[in-house]
Amino acid sequence: ATGEVRYADVIERILYNVVATAIEDDGRAFF
């Protein structure tokens, strides 16, 4: 909506530190 790139920084932070953390390496367990 705004084009403000800082929101992409937010997405990156969550992806690498919450989303990537959540799933076990085989995909069959999760936080």
mmCIF file of all heavy atoms, coordinates in Angstrom:
data_MODEL
# 
_entry.id   MODEL 
# 
loop_
_atom_site.group_PDB 
_atom_site.id 
_atom_site.type_symbol 
_atom_site.label_atom_id 
_atom_site.label_alt_id 
_atom_site.label_comp_id 
_atom_site.label_asym_id 
_atom_site.label_entity_id 
_atom_site.label_seq_id 
_atom_site.pdbx_PDB_ins_code 
_atom_site.Cartn_x 
_atom_site.Cartn_y 
_atom_site.Cartn_z 
_atom_site.occupancy 
_atom_site.B_iso_or_equiv 
_atom_site.pdbx_formal_charge 
_atom_site.auth_seq_id 
_atom_site.auth_comp_id 
_atom_site.auth_asym_id 
_atom_site.auth_atom_id 
_atom_site.pdbx_PDB_model_num 
ATOM 1   N N   . ALA A 1 1  ? 0.810  -1.217  0.000  1.00 0.00 ? 1  ALA A N   1 
ATOM 2   C CA  . ALA A 1 1  ? 0.000  0.000   0.000  1.00 0.00 ? 1  ALA A CA  1 
ATOM 3   C C   . ALA A 1 1  ? 0.840  1.262   0.000  1.00 0.00 ? 1  ALA A C   1 
ATOM 4   O O   . ALA A 1 1  ? 0.517  2.240   -0.686 1.00 0.00 ? 1  ALA A O   1 
ATOM 5   C CB  . ALA A 1 1  ? -0.937 -0.003  1.208  1.00 0.00 ? 1  ALA A CB  1 
ATOM 6   N N   . THR A 1 2  ? 1.940  1.258   0.765  1.00 0.00 ? 2  THR A N   1 
ATOM 7   C CA  . THR A 1 2  ? 2.716  2.487   0.972  1.00 0.00 ? 2  THR A CA  1 
ATOM 8   C C   . THR A 1 2  ? 4.025  2.517   0.191  1.00 0.00 ? 2  THR A C   1 
ATOM 9   O O   . THR A 1 2  ? 4.585  3.593   -0.027 1.00 0.00 ? 2  THR A O   1 
ATOM 10  C CB  . THR A 1 2  ? 3.055  2.655   2.460  1.00 0.00 ? 2  THR A CB  1 
ATOM 11  O OG1 . THR A 1 2  ? 3.967  1.612   2.866  1.00 0.00 ? 2  THR A OG1 1 
ATOM 12  C CG2 . THR A 1 2  ? 1.793  2.598   3.314  1.00 0.00 ? 2  THR A CG2 1 
ATOM 13  N N   . GLY A 1 3  ? 4.545  1.355   -0.160 1.00 0.00 ? 3  GLY A N   1 
ATOM 14  C CA  . GLY A 1 3  ? 5.856  1.298   -0.804 1.00 0.00 ? 3  GLY A CA  1 
ATOM 15  C C   . GLY A 1 3  ? 7.012  1.485   0.156  1.00 0.00 ? 3  GLY A C   1 
ATOM 16  O O   . GLY A 1 3  ? 8.167  1.539   -0.284 1.00 0.00 ? 3  GLY A O   1 
ATOM 17  N N   . GLU A 1 4  ? 6.751  1.555   1.461  1.00 0.00 ? 4  GLU A N   1 
ATOM 18  C CA  . GLU A 1 4  ? 7.822  1.783   2.436  1.00 0.00 ? 4  GLU A CA  1 
ATOM 19  C C   . GLU A 1 4  ? 8.598  0.487   2.651  1.00 0.00 ? 4  GLU A C   1 
ATOM 20  O O   . GLU A 1 4  ? 8.094  -0.483  3.222  1.00 0.00 ? 4  GLU A O   1 
ATOM 21  C CB  . GLU A 1 4  ? 7.239  2.304   3.744  1.00 0.00 ? 4  GLU A CB  1 
ATOM 22  C CG  . GLU A 1 4  ? 6.617  3.690   3.612  1.00 0.00 ? 4  GLU A CG  1 
ATOM 23  C CD  . GLU A 1 4  ? 6.308  4.324   4.944  1.00 0.00 ? 4  GLU A CD  1 
ATOM 24  O OE1 . GLU A 1 4  ? 6.988  3.984   5.947  1.00 0.00 ? 4  GLU A OE1 1 
ATOM 25  O OE2 . GLU A 1 4  ? 5.386  5.157   5.003  1.00 0.00 ? 4  GLU A OE2 1 
ATOM 26  N N   . VAL A 1 5  ? 9.863  0.512   2.228  1.00 0.00 ? 5  VAL A N   1 
ATOM 27  C CA  . VAL A 1 5  ? 10.673 -0.706  2.182  1.00 0.00 ? 5  VAL A CA  1 
ATOM 28  C C   . VAL A 1 5  ? 10.960 -1.253  3.575  1.00 0.00 ? 5  VAL A C   1 
ATOM 29  O O   . VAL A 1 5  ? 11.233 -2.449  3.734  1.00 0.00 ? 5  VAL A O   1 
ATOM 30  C CB  . VAL A 1 5  ? 11.988 -0.421  1.422  1.00 0.00 ? 5  VAL A CB  1 
ATOM 31  C CG1 . VAL A 1 5  ? 12.827 -1.681  1.307  1.00 0.00 ? 5  VAL A CG1 1 
ATOM 32  C CG2 . VAL A 1 5  ? 11.680 0.124   0.035  1.00 0.00 ? 5  VAL A CG2 1 
ATOM 33  N N   . ARG A 1 6  ? 10.863 -0.434  4.602  1.00 0.00 ? 6  ARG A N   1 
ATOM 34  C CA  . ARG A 1 6  ? 11.157 -0.903  5.952  1.00 0.00 ? 6  ARG A CA  1 
ATOM 35  C C   . ARG A 1 6  ? 10.251 -2.065  6.344  1.00 0.00 ? 6  ARG A C   1 
ATOM 36  O O   . ARG A 1 6  ? 10.621 -2.892  7.176  1.00 0.00 ? 6  ARG A O   1 
ATOM 37  C CB  . ARG A 1 6  ? 11.025 0.233   6.963  1.00 0.00 ? 6  ARG A CB  1 
ATOM 38  C CG  . ARG A 1 6  ? 9.650  0.880   7.023  1.00 0.00 ? 6  ARG A CG  1 
ATOM 39  C CD  . ARG A 1 6  ? 9.676  2.182   7.823  1.00 0.00 ? 6  ARG A CD  1 
ATOM 40  N NE  . ARG A 1 6  ? 8.403  2.875   7.802  1.00 0.00 ? 6  ARG A NE  1 
ATOM 41  C CZ  . ARG A 1 6  ? 7.439  2.674   8.697  1.00 0.00 ? 6  ARG A CZ  1 
ATOM 42  N NH1 . ARG A 1 6  ? 7.624  1.801   9.677  1.00 0.00 ? 6  ARG A NH1 1 
ATOM 43  N NH2 . ARG A 1 6  ? 6.309  3.350   8.625  1.00 0.00 ? 6  ARG A NH2 1 
ATOM 44  N N   . TYR A 1 7  ? 9.073  -2.154  5.756  1.00 0.00 ? 7  TYR A N   1 
ATOM 45  C CA  . TYR A 1 7  ? 8.206  -3.285  6.069  1.00 0.00 ? 7  TYR A CA  1 
ATOM 46  C C   . TYR A 1 7  ? 8.771  -4.590  5.520  1.00 0.00 ? 7  TYR A C   1 
ATOM 47  O O   . TYR A 1 7  ? 8.484  -5.666  6.055  1.00 0.00 ? 7  TYR A O   1 
ATOM 48  C CB  . TYR A 1 7  ? 6.796  -3.038  5.544  1.00 0.00 ? 7  TYR A CB  1 
ATOM 49  C CG  . TYR A 1 7  ? 6.071  -1.924  6.277  1.00 0.00 ? 7  TYR A CG  1 
ATOM 50  C CD1 . TYR A 1 7  ? 5.609  -0.792  5.595  1.00 0.00 ? 7  TYR A CD1 1 
ATOM 51  C CD2 . TYR A 1 7  ? 5.873  -1.992  7.652  1.00 0.00 ? 7  TYR A CD2 1 
ATOM 52  C CE1 . TYR A 1 7  ? 4.948  0.235   6.266  1.00 0.00 ? 7  TYR A CE1 1 
ATOM 53  C CE2 . TYR A 1 7  ? 5.217  -0.978  8.330  1.00 0.00 ? 7  TYR A CE2 1 
ATOM 54  C CZ  . TYR A 1 7  ? 4.755  0.133   7.635  1.00 0.00 ? 7  TYR A CZ  1 
ATOM 55  O OH  . TYR A 1 7  ? 4.111  1.141   8.313  1.00 0.00 ? 7  TYR A OH  1 
ATOM 56  N N   . ALA A 1 8  ? 9.569  -4.518  4.470  1.00 0.00 ? 8  ALA A N   1 
ATOM 57  C CA  . ALA A 1 8  ? 10.250 -5.722  3.982  1.00 0.00 ? 8  ALA A CA  1 
ATOM 58  C C   . ALA A 1 8  ? 11.311 -6.175  4.977  1.00 0.00 ? 8  ALA A C   1 
ATOM 59  O O   . ALA A 1 8  ? 11.569 -7.381  5.121  1.00 0.00 ? 8  ALA A O   1 
ATOM 60  C CB  . ALA A 1 8  ? 10.875 -5.467  2.614  1.00 0.00 ? 8  ALA A CB  1 
ATOM 61  N N   . ASP A 1 9  ? 11.951 -5.226  5.671  1.00 0.00 ? 9  ASP A N   1 
ATOM 62  C CA  . ASP A 1 9  ? 12.880 -5.583  6.748  1.00 0.00 ? 9  ASP A CA  1 
ATOM 63  C C   . ASP A 1 9  ? 12.154 -6.355  7.843  1.00 0.00 ? 9  ASP A C   1 
ATOM 64  O O   . ASP A 1 9  ? 12.685 -7.332  8.403  1.00 0.00 ? 9  ASP A O   1 
ATOM 65  C CB  . ASP A 1 9  ? 13.506 -4.324  7.356  1.00 0.00 ? 9  ASP A CB  1 
ATOM 66  C CG  . ASP A 1 9  ? 14.587 -3.707  6.485  1.00 0.00 ? 9  ASP A CG  1 
ATOM 67  O OD1 . ASP A 1 9  ? 14.780 -4.162  5.342  1.00 0.00 ? 9  ASP A OD1 1 
ATOM 68  O OD2 . ASP A 1 9  ? 15.236 -2.754  6.955  1.00 0.00 ? 9  ASP A OD2 1 
ATOM 69  N N   . VAL A 1 10 ? 10.956 -5.917  8.188  1.00 0.00 ? 10 VAL A N   1 
ATOM 70  C CA  . VAL A 1 10 ? 10.158 -6.596  9.212  1.00 0.00 ? 10 VAL A CA  1 
ATOM 71  C C   . VAL A 1 10 ? 9.854  -8.025  8.776  1.00 0.00 ? 10 VAL A C   1 
ATOM 72  O O   . VAL A 1 10 ? 9.998  -8.975  9.550  1.00 0.00 ? 10 VAL A O   1 
ATOM 73  C CB  . VAL A 1 10 ? 8.851  -5.826  9.483  1.00 0.00 ? 10 VAL A CB  1 
ATOM 74  C CG1 . VAL A 1 10 ? 7.946  -6.597  10.438 1.00 0.00 ? 10 VAL A CG1 1 
ATOM 75  C CG2 . VAL A 1 10 ? 9.148  -4.436  10.027 1.00 0.00 ? 10 VAL A CG2 1 
ATOM 76  N N   . ILE A 1 11 ? 9.430  -8.176  7.529  1.00 0.00 ? 11 ILE A N   1 
ATOM 77  C CA  . ILE A 1 11 ? 9.118  -9.506  7.002  1.00 0.00 ? 11 ILE A CA  1 
ATOM 78  C C   . ILE A 1 11 ? 10.347 -10.402 7.072  1.00 0.00 ? 11 ILE A C   1 
ATOM 79  O O   . ILE A 1 11 ? 10.269 -11.560 7.501  1.00 0.00 ? 11 ILE A O   1 
ATOM 80  C CB  . ILE A 1 11 ? 8.591  -9.391  5.562  1.00 0.00 ? 11 ILE A CB  1 
ATOM 81  C CG1 . ILE A 1 11 ? 7.223  -8.710  5.558  1.00 0.00 ? 11 ILE A CG1 1 
ATOM 82  C CG2 . ILE A 1 11 ? 8.513  -10.760 4.896  1.00 0.00 ? 11 ILE A CG2 1 
ATOM 83  C CD1 . ILE A 1 11 ? 6.708  -8.344  4.176  1.00 0.00 ? 11 ILE A CD1 1 
ATOM 84  N N   . GLU A 1 12 ? 11.487 -9.879  6.655  1.00 0.00 ? 12 GLU A N   1 
ATOM 85  C CA  . GLU A 1 12 ? 12.716 -10.666 6.673  1.00 0.00 ? 12 GLU A CA  1 
ATOM 86  C C   . GLU A 1 12 ? 13.049 -11.131 8.086  1.00 0.00 ? 12 GLU A C   1 
ATOM 87  O O   . GLU A 1 12 ? 13.391 -12.307 8.315  1.00 0.00 ? 12 GLU A O   1 
ATOM 88  C CB  . GLU A 1 12 ? 13.875 -9.835  6.121  1.00 0.00 ? 12 GLU A CB  1 
ATOM 89  C CG  . GLU A 1 12 ? 15.214 -10.547 6.158  1.00 0.00 ? 12 GLU A CG  1 
ATOM 90  C CD  . GLU A 1 12 ? 16.335 -9.700  5.606  1.00 0.00 ? 12 GLU A CD  1 
ATOM 91  O OE1 . GLU A 1 12 ? 16.685 -8.682  6.244  1.00 0.00 ? 12 GLU A OE1 1 
ATOM 92  O OE2 . GLU A 1 12 ? 16.850 -10.047 4.532  1.00 0.00 ? 12 GLU A OE2 1 
ATOM 93  N N   . ARG A 1 13 ? 12.948 -10.245 9.054  1.00 0.00 ? 13 ARG A N   1 
ATOM 94  C CA  . ARG A 1 13 ? 13.267 -10.589 10.450 1.00 0.00 ? 13 ARG A CA  1 
ATOM 95  C C   . ARG A 1 13 ? 12.371 -11.728 10.939 1.00 0.00 ? 13 ARG A C   1 
ATOM 96  O O   . ARG A 1 13 ? 12.833 -12.682 11.576 1.00 0.00 ? 13 ARG A O   1 
ATOM 97  C CB  . ARG A 1 13 ? 13.114 -9.350  11.337 1.00 0.00 ? 13 ARG A CB  1 
ATOM 98  C CG  . ARG A 1 13 ? 13.431 -9.586  12.808 1.00 0.00 ? 13 ARG A CG  1 
ATOM 99  C CD  . ARG A 1 13 ? 13.442 -8.290  13.589 1.00 0.00 ? 13 ARG A CD  1 
ATOM 100 N NE  . ARG A 1 13 ? 14.536 -7.427  13.173 1.00 0.00 ? 13 ARG A NE  1 
ATOM 101 C CZ  . ARG A 1 13 ? 15.784 -7.513  13.634 1.00 0.00 ? 13 ARG A CZ  1 
ATOM 102 N NH1 . ARG A 1 13 ? 16.089 -8.444  14.524 1.00 0.00 ? 13 ARG A NH1 1 
ATOM 103 N NH2 . ARG A 1 13 ? 16.711 -6.684  13.213 1.00 0.00 ? 13 ARG A NH2 1 
ATOM 104 N N   . ILE A 1 14 ? 11.083 -11.640 10.663 1.00 0.00 ? 14 ILE A N   1 
ATOM 105 C CA  . ILE A 1 14 ? 10.150 -12.670 11.117 1.00 0.00 ? 14 ILE A CA  1 
ATOM 106 C C   . ILE A 1 14 ? 10.401 -13.985 10.397 1.00 0.00 ? 14 ILE A C   1 
ATOM 107 O O   . ILE A 1 14 ? 10.375 -15.065 11.008 1.00 0.00 ? 14 ILE A O   1 
ATOM 108 C CB  . ILE A 1 14 ? 8.700  -12.199 10.900 1.00 0.00 ? 14 ILE A CB  1 
ATOM 109 C CG1 . ILE A 1 14 ? 8.413  -10.955 11.745 1.00 0.00 ? 14 ILE A CG1 1 
ATOM 110 C CG2 . ILE A 1 14 ? 7.716  -13.303 11.254 1.00 0.00 ? 14 ILE A CG2 1 
ATOM 111 C CD1 . ILE A 1 14 ? 7.099  -10.269 11.390 1.00 0.00 ? 14 ILE A CD1 1 
ATOM 112 N N   . LEU A 1 15 ? 10.655 -13.917 9.102  1.00 0.00 ? 15 LEU A N   1 
ATOM 113 C CA  . LEU A 1 15 ? 10.874 -15.148 8.336  1.00 0.00 ? 15 LEU A CA  1 
ATOM 114 C C   . LEU A 1 15 ? 12.067 -15.936 8.872  1.00 0.00 ? 15 LEU A C   1 
ATOM 115 O O   . LEU A 1 15 ? 11.978 -17.153 9.089  1.00 0.00 ? 15 LEU A O   1 
ATOM 116 C CB  . LEU A 1 15 ? 11.088 -14.817 6.859  1.00 0.00 ? 15 LEU A CB  1 
ATOM 117 C CG  . LEU A 1 15 ? 9.860  -14.379 6.065  1.00 0.00 ? 15 LEU A CG  1 
ATOM 118 C CD1 . LEU A 1 15 ? 10.261 -14.001 4.640  1.00 0.00 ? 15 LEU A CD1 1 
ATOM 119 C CD2 . LEU A 1 15 ? 8.799  -15.472 6.036  1.00 0.00 ? 15 LEU A CD2 1 
ATOM 120 N N   . TYR A 1 16 ? 13.187 -15.265 9.100  1.00 0.00 ? 16 TYR A N   1 
ATOM 121 C CA  . TYR A 1 16 ? 14.394 -15.981 9.495  1.00 0.00 ? 16 TYR A CA  1 
ATOM 122 C C   . TYR A 1 16 ? 14.413 -16.384 10.959 1.00 0.00 ? 16 TYR A C   1 
ATOM 123 O O   . TYR A 1 16 ? 15.147 -17.322 11.331 1.00 0.00 ? 16 TYR A O   1 
ATOM 124 C CB  . TYR A 1 16 ? 15.639 -15.146 9.175  1.00 0.00 ? 16 TYR A CB  1 
ATOM 125 C CG  . TYR A 1 16 ? 16.019 -15.189 7.713  1.00 0.00 ? 16 TYR A CG  1 
ATOM 126 C CD1 . TYR A 1 16 ? 15.786 -14.103 6.879  1.00 0.00 ? 16 TYR A CD1 1 
ATOM 127 C CD2 . TYR A 1 16 ? 16.580 -16.332 7.161  1.00 0.00 ? 16 TYR A CD2 1 
ATOM 128 C CE1 . TYR A 1 16 ? 16.120 -14.146 5.531  1.00 0.00 ? 16 TYR A CE1 1 
ATOM 129 C CE2 . TYR A 1 16 ? 16.919 -16.388 5.816  1.00 0.00 ? 16 TYR A CE2 1 
ATOM 130 C CZ  . TYR A 1 16 ? 16.684 -15.299 5.006  1.00 0.00 ? 16 TYR A CZ  1 
ATOM 131 O OH  . TYR A 1 16 ? 17.005 -15.362 3.667  1.00 0.00 ? 16 TYR A OH  1 
ATOM 132 N N   . ASN A 1 17 ? 13.624 -15.717 11.797 1.00 0.00 ? 17 ASN A N   1 
ATOM 133 C CA  . ASN A 1 17 ? 13.752 -15.942 13.232 1.00 0.00 ? 17 ASN A CA  1 
ATOM 134 C C   . ASN A 1 17 ? 12.500 -16.473 13.919 1.00 0.00 ? 17 ASN A C   1 
ATOM 135 O O   . ASN A 1 17 ? 12.582 -16.902 15.068 1.00 0.00 ? 17 ASN A O   1 
ATOM 136 C CB  . ASN A 1 17 ? 14.204 -14.645 13.906 1.00 0.00 ? 17 ASN A CB  1 
ATOM 137 C CG  . ASN A 1 17 ? 15.526 -14.161 13.361 1.00 0.00 ? 17 ASN A CG  1 
ATOM 138 O OD1 . ASN A 1 17 ? 16.540 -14.848 13.472 1.00 0.00 ? 17 ASN A OD1 1 
ATOM 139 N ND2 . ASN A 1 17 ? 15.523 -13.001 12.714 1.00 0.00 ? 17 ASN A ND2 1 
ATOM 140 N N   . VAL A 1 18 ? 11.367 -16.465 13.242 1.00 0.00 ? 18 VAL A N   1 
ATOM 141 C CA  . VAL A 1 18 ? 10.154 -17.095 13.778 1.00 0.00 ? 18 VAL A CA  1 
ATOM 142 C C   . VAL A 1 18 ? 9.730  -18.231 12.849 1.00 0.00 ? 18 VAL A C   1 
ATOM 143 O O   . VAL A 1 18 ? 9.680  -19.395 13.254 1.00 0.00 ? 18 VAL A O   1 
ATOM 144 C CB  . VAL A 1 18 ? 9.005  -16.079 13.958 1.00 0.00 ? 18 VAL A CB  1 
ATOM 145 C CG1 . VAL A 1 18 ? 7.754  -16.790 14.449 1.00 0.00 ? 18 VAL A CG1 1 
ATOM 146 C CG2 . VAL A 1 18 ? 9.399  -14.983 14.943 1.00 0.00 ? 18 VAL A CG2 1 
ATOM 147 N N   . VAL A 1 19 ? 9.460  -17.907 11.598 1.00 0.00 ? 19 VAL A N   1 
ATOM 148 C CA  . VAL A 1 19 ? 8.950  -18.915 10.656 1.00 0.00 ? 19 VAL A CA  1 
ATOM 149 C C   . VAL A 1 19 ? 9.972  -20.038 10.460 1.00 0.00 ? 19 VAL A C   1 
ATOM 150 O O   . VAL A 1 19 ? 9.625  -21.227 10.522 1.00 0.00 ? 19 VAL A O   1 
ATOM 151 C CB  . VAL A 1 19 ? 8.579  -18.262 9.314  1.00 0.00 ? 19 VAL A CB  1 
ATOM 152 C CG1 . VAL A 1 19 ? 8.187  -19.316 8.286  1.00 0.00 ? 19 VAL A CG1 1 
ATOM 153 C CG2 . VAL A 1 19 ? 7.437  -17.264 9.518  1.00 0.00 ? 19 VAL A CG2 1 
ATOM 154 N N   . ALA A 1 20 ? 11.234 -19.697 10.240 1.00 0.00 ? 20 ALA A N   1 
ATOM 155 C CA  . ALA A 1 20 ? 12.254 -20.727 10.022 1.00 0.00 ? 20 ALA A CA  1 
ATOM 156 C C   . ALA A 1 20 ? 12.524 -21.534 11.280 1.00 0.00 ? 20 ALA A C   1 
ATOM 157 O O   . ALA A 1 20 ? 12.984 -22.678 11.204 1.00 0.00 ? 20 ALA A O   1 
ATOM 158 C CB  . ALA A 1 20 ? 13.553 -20.083 9.529  1.00 0.00 ? 20 ALA A CB  1 
ATOM 159 N N   . THR A 1 21 ? 12.252 -20.968 12.434 1.00 0.00 ? 21 THR A N   1 
ATOM 160 C CA  . THR A 1 21 ? 12.463 -21.664 13.698 1.00 0.00 ? 21 THR A CA  1 
ATOM 161 C C   . THR A 1 21 ? 11.360 -22.662 13.981 1.00 0.00 ? 21 THR A C   1 
ATOM 162 O O   . THR A 1 21 ? 11.569 -23.670 14.662 1.00 0.00 ? 21 THR A O   1 
ATOM 163 C CB  . THR A 1 21 ? 12.532 -20.630 14.849 1.00 0.00 ? 21 THR A CB  1 
ATOM 164 O OG1 . THR A 1 21 ? 13.460 -19.603 14.516 1.00 0.00 ? 21 THR A OG1 1 
ATOM 165 C CG2 . THR A 1 21 ? 12.958 -21.275 16.159 1.00 0.00 ? 21 THR A CG2 1 
ATOM 166 N N   . ALA A 1 22 ? 10.176 -22.402 13.450 1.00 0.00 ? 22 ALA A N   1 
ATOM 167 C CA  . ALA A 1 22 ? 8.990  -23.131 13.882 1.00 0.00 ? 22 ALA A CA  1 
ATOM 168 C C   . ALA A 1 22 ? 9.015  -24.610 13.518 1.00 0.00 ? 22 ALA A C   1 
ATOM 169 O O   . ALA A 1 22 ? 8.608  -25.460 14.314 1.00 0.00 ? 22 ALA A O   1 
ATOM 170 C CB  . ALA A 1 22 ? 7.743  -22.473 13.289 1.00 0.00 ? 22 ALA A CB  1 
ATOM 171 N N   . ILE A 1 23 ? 9.468  -24.941 12.319 1.00 0.00 ? 23 ILE A N   1 
ATOM 172 C CA  . ILE A 1 23 ? 9.266  -26.284 11.777 1.00 0.00 ? 23 ILE A CA  1 
ATOM 173 C C   . ILE A 1 23 ? 10.511 -27.149 11.949 1.00 0.00 ? 23 ILE A C   1 
ATOM 174 O O   . ILE A 1 23 ? 11.635 -26.707 11.683 1.00 0.00 ? 23 ILE A O   1 
ATOM 175 C CB  . ILE A 1 23 ? 8.889  -26.210 10.284 1.00 0.00 ? 23 ILE A CB  1 
ATOM 176 C CG1 . ILE A 1 23 ? 7.685  -25.280 10.076 1.00 0.00 ? 23 ILE A CG1 1 
ATOM 177 C CG2 . ILE A 1 23 ? 8.585  -27.596 9.735  1.00 0.00 ? 23 ILE A CG2 1 
ATOM 178 C CD1 . ILE A 1 23 ? 6.419  -25.735 10.738 1.00 0.00 ? 23 ILE A CD1 1 
ATOM 179 N N   . GLU A 1 24 ? 10.299 -28.390 12.374 1.00 0.00 ? 24 GLU A N   1 
ATOM 180 C CA  . GLU A 1 24 ? 11.385 -29.359 12.481 1.00 0.00 ? 24 GLU A CA  1 
ATOM 181 C C   . GLU A 1 24 ? 11.961 -29.649 11.089 1.00 0.00 ? 24 GLU A C   1 
ATOM 182 O O   . GLU A 1 24 ? 11.317 -29.421 10.066 1.00 0.00 ? 24 GLU A O   1 
ATOM 183 C CB  . GLU A 1 24 ? 10.857 -30.643 13.128 1.00 0.00 ? 24 GLU A CB  1 
ATOM 184 C CG  . GLU A 1 24 ? 11.902 -31.689 13.462 1.00 0.00 ? 24 GLU A CG  1 
ATOM 185 C CD  . GLU A 1 24 ? 13.036 -31.148 14.307 1.00 0.00 ? 24 GLU A CD  1 
ATOM 186 O OE1 . GLU A 1 24 ? 12.898 -31.107 15.540 1.00 0.00 ? 24 GLU A OE1 1 
ATOM 187 O OE2 . GLU A 1 24 ? 14.068 -30.743 13.710 1.00 0.00 ? 24 GLU A OE2 1 
ATOM 188 N N   . ASP A 1 25 ? 13.181 -30.172 11.048 1.00 0.00 ? 25 ASP A N   1 
ATOM 189 C CA  . ASP A 1 25 ? 13.866 -30.365 9.772  1.00 0.00 ? 25 ASP A CA  1 
ATOM 190 C C   . ASP A 1 25 ? 13.128 -31.311 8.829  1.00 0.00 ? 25 ASP A C   1 
ATOM 191 O O   . ASP A 1 25 ? 13.284 -31.210 7.607  1.00 0.00 ? 25 ASP A O   1 
ATOM 192 C CB  . ASP A 1 25 ? 15.284 -30.880 10.013 1.00 0.00 ? 25 ASP A CB  1 
ATOM 193 C CG  . ASP A 1 25 ? 16.203 -29.815 10.586 1.00 0.00 ? 25 ASP A CG  1 
ATOM 194 O OD1 . ASP A 1 25 ? 15.863 -28.619 10.481 1.00 0.00 ? 25 ASP A OD1 1 
ATOM 195 O OD2 . ASP A 1 25 ? 17.261 -30.176 11.140 1.00 0.00 ? 25 ASP A OD2 1 
ATOM 196 N N   . ASP A 1 26 ? 12.349 -32.227 9.380  1.00 0.00 ? 26 ASP A N   1 
ATOM 197 C CA  . ASP A 1 26 ? 11.589 -33.132 8.512  1.00 0.00 ? 26 ASP A CA  1 
ATOM 198 C C   . ASP A 1 26 ? 10.160 -32.660 8.294  1.00 0.00 ? 26 ASP A C   1 
ATOM 199 O O   . ASP A 1 26 ? 9.379  -33.327 7.609  1.00 0.00 ? 26 ASP A O   1 
ATOM 200 C CB  . ASP A 1 26 ? 11.589 -34.557 9.078  1.00 0.00 ? 26 ASP A CB  1 
ATOM 201 C CG  . ASP A 1 26 ? 10.868 -34.666 10.419 1.00 0.00 ? 26 ASP A CG  1 
ATOM 202 O OD1 . ASP A 1 26 ? 10.377 -33.644 10.939 1.00 0.00 ? 26 ASP A OD1 1 
ATOM 203 O OD2 . ASP A 1 26 ? 10.799 -35.796 10.954 1.00 0.00 ? 26 ASP A OD2 1 
ATOM 204 N N   . GLY A 1 27 ? 9.800  -31.509 8.865  1.00 0.00 ? 27 GLY A N   1 
ATOM 205 C CA  . GLY A 1 27 ? 8.473  -30.949 8.675  1.00 0.00 ? 27 GLY A CA  1 
ATOM 206 C C   . GLY A 1 27 ? 7.393  -31.603 9.507  1.00 0.00 ? 27 GLY A C   1 
ATOM 207 O O   . GLY A 1 27 ? 6.206  -31.285 9.344  1.00 0.00 ? 27 GLY A O   1 
ATOM 208 N N   . ARG A 1 28 ? 7.748  -32.486 10.433 1.00 0.00 ? 28 ARG A N   1 
ATOM 209 C CA  . ARG A 1 28 ? 6.757  -33.288 11.139 1.00 0.00 ? 28 ARG A CA  1 
ATOM 210 C C   . ARG A 1 28 ? 6.680  -32.976 12.629 1.00 0.00 ? 28 ARG A C   1 
ATOM 211 O O   . ARG A 1 28 ? 6.163  -33.783 13.416 1.00 0.00 ? 28 ARG A O   1 
ATOM 212 C CB  . ARG A 1 28 ? 7.038  -34.772 10.908 1.00 0.00 ? 28 ARG A CB  1 
ATOM 213 C CG  . ARG A 1 28 ? 6.935  -35.147 9.436  1.00 0.00 ? 28 ARG A CG  1 
ATOM 214 C CD  . ARG A 1 28 ? 7.271  -36.604 9.158  1.00 0.00 ? 28 ARG A CD  1 
ATOM 215 N NE  . ARG A 1 28 ? 7.195  -36.867 7.718  1.00 0.00 ? 28 ARG A NE  1 
ATOM 216 C CZ  . ARG A 1 28 ? 6.085  -37.219 7.082  1.00 0.00 ? 28 ARG A CZ  1 
ATOM 217 N NH1 . ARG A 1 28 ? 4.955  -37.352 7.765  1.00 0.00 ? 28 ARG A NH1 1 
ATOM 218 N NH2 . ARG A 1 28 ? 6.099  -37.431 5.779  1.00 0.00 ? 28 ARG A NH2 1 
ATOM 219 N N   . ALA A 1 29 ? 7.170  -31.844 13.023 1.00 0.00 ? 29 ALA A N   1 
ATOM 220 C CA  . ALA A 1 29 ? 7.007  -31.331 14.385 1.00 0.00 ? 29 ALA A CA  1 
ATOM 221 C C   . ALA A 1 29 ? 7.197  -29.826 14.305 1.00 0.00 ? 29 ALA A C   1 
ATOM 222 O O   . ALA A 1 29 ? 7.819  -29.309 13.373 1.00 0.00 ? 29 ALA A O   1 
ATOM 223 C CB  . ALA A 1 29 ? 8.015  -31.965 15.345 1.00 0.00 ? 29 ALA A CB  1 
ATOM 224 N N   . PHE A 1 30 ? 6.651  -29.115 15.295 1.00 0.00 ? 30 PHE A N   1 
ATOM 225 C CA  . PHE A 1 30 ? 6.686  -27.663 15.194 1.00 0.00 ? 30 PHE A CA  1 
ATOM 226 C C   . PHE A 1 30 ? 6.515  -27.015 16.560 1.00 0.00 ? 30 PHE A C   1 
ATOM 227 O O   . PHE A 1 30 ? 5.955  -27.600 17.486 1.00 0.00 ? 30 PHE A O   1 
ATOM 228 C CB  . PHE A 1 30 ? 5.600  -27.161 14.229 1.00 0.00 ? 30 PHE A CB  1 
ATOM 229 C CG  . PHE A 1 30 ? 4.185  -27.553 14.606 1.00 0.00 ? 30 PHE A CG  1 
ATOM 230 C CD1 . PHE A 1 30 ? 3.340  -26.646 15.228 1.00 0.00 ? 30 PHE A CD1 1 
ATOM 231 C CD2 . PHE A 1 30 ? 3.703  -28.815 14.332 1.00 0.00 ? 30 PHE A CD2 1 
ATOM 232 C CE1 . PHE A 1 30 ? 2.047  -27.002 15.583 1.00 0.00 ? 30 PHE A CE1 1 
ATOM 233 C CE2 . PHE A 1 30 ? 2.407  -29.187 14.677 1.00 0.00 ? 30 PHE A CE2 1 
ATOM 234 C CZ  . PHE A 1 30 ? 1.568  -28.270 15.304 1.00 0.00 ? 30 PHE A CZ  1 
ATOM 235 N N   . PHE A 1 31 ? 7.040  -25.816 16.653 1.00 0.00 ? 31 PHE A N   1 
ATOM 236 C CA  . PHE A 1 31 ? 6.823  -24.976 17.830 1.00 0.00 ? 31 PHE A CA  1 
ATOM 237 C C   . PHE A 1 31 ? 5.485  -24.266 17.708 1.00 0.00 ? 31 PHE A C   1 
ATOM 238 O O   . PHE A 1 31 ? 5.138  -23.749 16.638 1.00 0.00 ? 31 PHE A O   1 
ATOM 239 C CB  . PHE A 1 31 ? 7.904  -23.896 17.943 1.00 0.00 ? 31 PHE A CB  1 
ATOM 240 C CG  . PHE A 1 31 ? 9.198  -24.343 18.559 1.00 0.00 ? 31 PHE A CG  1 
ATOM 241 C CD1 . PHE A 1 31 ? 10.406 -23.947 18.003 1.00 0.00 ? 31 PHE A CD1 1 
ATOM 242 C CD2 . PHE A 1 31 ? 9.223  -25.117 19.701 1.00 0.00 ? 31 PHE A CD2 1 
ATOM 243 C CE1 . PHE A 1 31 ? 11.613 -24.322 18.566 1.00 0.00 ? 31 PHE A CE1 1 
ATOM 244 C CE2 . PHE A 1 31 ? 10.424 -25.506 20.282 1.00 0.00 ? 31 PHE A CE2 1 
ATOM 245 C CZ  . PHE A 1 31 ? 11.614 -25.108 19.711 1.00 0.00 ? 31 PHE A CZ  1 
# 
